[in-house]
């Protein structure tokens, strides 16, 4: 009786994509995180662009957002269930691009011209 349970467990894991595999729902949630981080980052960049925030706040907040986007990109490195692998790759690339844009703002949080470029890029990446 115990041996019969093993094939059922294996089938269940294969049907769900197995451990360590992104499901379509998980991919959707990661995409929402990227949208949120990019939108928040674009608001921050707009404030820097207009001189409406302090340099320390912009440095810390952009660094935190960049780390969150990088963490999301890392989570998206896992393979996805069949049918969503292309979307997984796109979302991973988008998360990396968001992290990179915010890292540029983090490195120069008082550069209004750079902030304008970052704002436009993040608005585009926010979806």
Protein backbone atom coordinates (compact mmCIF):
# COMPACT_ATOMS: atom_id res chain seq x y z
CA UNK A 1 0.00 0.00 0.00
CA UNK A 2 2.78 2.36 0.82
CA UNK A 3 4.43 1.90 -2.58
CA UNK A 4 1.26 3.02 -4.36
CA UNK A 5 1.39 6.42 -2.69
CA UNK A 6 4.79 7.27 -4.20
CA UNK A 7 3.63 7.34 -7.86
CA UNK A 8 0.66 9.48 -6.88
CA UNK A 9 2.96 11.93 -5.10
CA UNK A 10 5.26 12.08 -8.12
CA UNK A 11 2.30 12.72 -10.42
CA UNK A 12 1.06 15.47 -8.12
CA UNK A 13 4.45 17.16 -8.16
CA UNK A 14 4.75 16.91 -11.94
CA UNK A 15 1.23 18.27 -12.34
CA UNK A 16 2.08 21.26 -10.17
CA UNK A 17 5.37 21.89 -11.91
CA UNK A 18 7.43 20.30 -9.16
CA UNK A 19 9.24 21.92 -6.28
CA UNK A 20 11.17 25.03 -7.18
CA UNK A 21 9.11 25.71 -10.28
CA UNK A 22 7.19 28.96 -10.73
CA UNK A 23 3.49 28.61 -11.35
CA UNK A 24 1.51 31.03 -13.47
CA UNK A 25 -0.02 32.50 -10.30
CA UNK A 26 3.38 33.02 -8.67
CA UNK A 27 4.65 34.63 -11.86
CA UNK A 28 1.67 37.00 -11.84
CA UNK A 29 2.41 38.00 -8.23
CA UNK A 30 6.08 38.64 -9.06
CA UNK A 31 4.95 40.79 -11.99
CA UNK A 32 2.75 42.81 -9.65
CA UNK A 33 5.74 43.33 -7.36
CA UNK A 34 7.81 44.62 -10.28
CA UNK A 35 4.99 46.98 -11.29
CA UNK A 36 4.75 48.29 -7.73
CA UNK A 37 8.50 48.80 -7.27
CA UNK A 38 8.81 50.52 -10.65
CA UNK A 39 5.85 52.80 -9.90
CA UNK A 40 7.18 53.72 -6.45
CA UNK A 41 10.63 54.28 -7.94
CA UNK A 42 9.25 56.56 -10.64
CA UNK A 43 7.50 58.68 -7.99
CA UNK A 44 10.75 58.93 -6.05
CA UNK A 45 12.68 59.84 -9.19
CA UNK A 46 10.07 62.51 -10.00
CA UNK A 47 10.55 64.01 -6.54
CA UNK A 48 14.34 64.06 -7.04
CA UNK A 49 13.87 65.56 -10.50
CA UNK A 50 11.78 68.41 -9.05
CA UNK A 51 13.98 68.90 -5.97
CA UNK A 52 11.15 67.80 -3.65
CA UNK A 53 13.06 65.30 -1.52
CA UNK A 54 16.26 65.14 0.44
CA UNK A 55 19.38 63.40 -0.78
CA UNK A 56 19.56 61.00 2.19
CA UNK A 57 15.93 59.92 1.75
CA UNK A 58 16.38 59.42 -2.00
CA UNK A 59 19.58 57.41 -1.45
CA UNK A 60 18.06 55.11 1.17
CA UNK A 61 14.69 54.63 -0.52
CA UNK A 62 16.13 54.01 -3.99
CA UNK A 63 18.57 51.51 -2.47
CA UNK A 64 15.77 49.65 -0.71
CA UNK A 65 13.66 49.56 -3.87
CA UNK A 66 16.63 48.42 -5.96
CA UNK A 67 17.26 45.55 -3.53
CA UNK A 68 13.61 44.54 -3.68
CA UNK A 69 13.68 44.48 -7.49
CA UNK A 70 16.93 42.47 -7.44
CA UNK A 71 15.41 39.99 -4.99
CA UNK A 72 12.42 39.63 -7.30
CA UNK A 73 14.72 39.05 -10.28
CA UNK A 74 16.51 36.36 -8.30
CA UNK A 75 13.21 34.66 -7.46
CA UNK A 76 12.36 34.71 -11.15
CA UNK A 77 15.47 32.70 -12.06
CA UNK A 78 13.63 29.51 -11.17
CA UNK A 79 12.17 27.60 -14.11
CA UNK A 80 8.47 28.03 -14.78
CA UNK A 81 5.71 25.56 -15.50
CA UNK A 82 5.19 24.79 -19.19
CA UNK A 83 3.56 27.58 -21.10
CA UNK A 84 4.86 30.54 -19.08
CA UNK A 85 8.64 30.26 -19.51
CA UNK A 86 8.79 33.11 -22.04
CA UNK A 87 6.84 35.35 -19.69
CA UNK A 88 9.14 34.34 -16.82
CA UNK A 89 12.18 35.44 -18.84
CA UNK A 90 10.52 38.77 -19.72
CA UNK A 91 9.59 39.43 -16.09
CA UNK A 92 13.09 38.52 -14.89
CA UNK A 93 14.58 40.97 -17.40
CA UNK A 94 12.12 43.64 -16.36
CA UNK A 95 12.99 43.13 -12.68
CA UNK A 96 16.71 43.39 -13.47
CA UNK A 97 16.12 46.60 -15.46
CA UNK A 98 14.12 48.13 -12.59
CA UNK A 99 16.86 47.20 -10.12
CA UNK A 100 19.54 48.72 -12.37
CA UNK A 101 17.63 51.98 -12.88
CA UNK A 102 17.07 52.36 -9.15
CA UNK A 103 20.73 51.53 -8.46
CA UNK A 104 21.73 54.44 -10.74
CA UNK A 105 19.46 56.77 -8.77
CA UNK A 106 20.88 55.34 -5.53
CA UNK A 107 24.44 56.13 -6.62
CA UNK A 108 23.61 59.76 -7.52
CA UNK A 109 20.44 60.69 -5.61
CA UNK A 110 20.82 64.43 -6.14
CA UNK A 111 21.26 64.42 -9.95
CA UNK A 112 18.03 65.87 -11.33
CA UNK A 113 18.87 65.08 -14.95
CA UNK A 114 19.59 61.44 -14.12
CA UNK A 115 16.42 61.32 -12.02
CA UNK A 116 14.40 62.43 -15.07
CA UNK A 117 15.91 59.61 -17.14
CA UNK A 118 15.27 57.08 -14.39
CA UNK A 119 11.68 58.31 -13.97
CA UNK A 120 10.94 57.84 -17.67
CA UNK A 121 12.55 54.40 -17.70
CA UNK A 122 10.65 53.25 -14.61
CA UNK A 123 7.36 54.58 -15.95
CA UNK A 124 7.90 52.47 -19.06
CA UNK A 125 8.89 49.42 -17.00
CA UNK A 126 5.93 49.76 -14.62
CA UNK A 127 3.72 48.28 -17.30
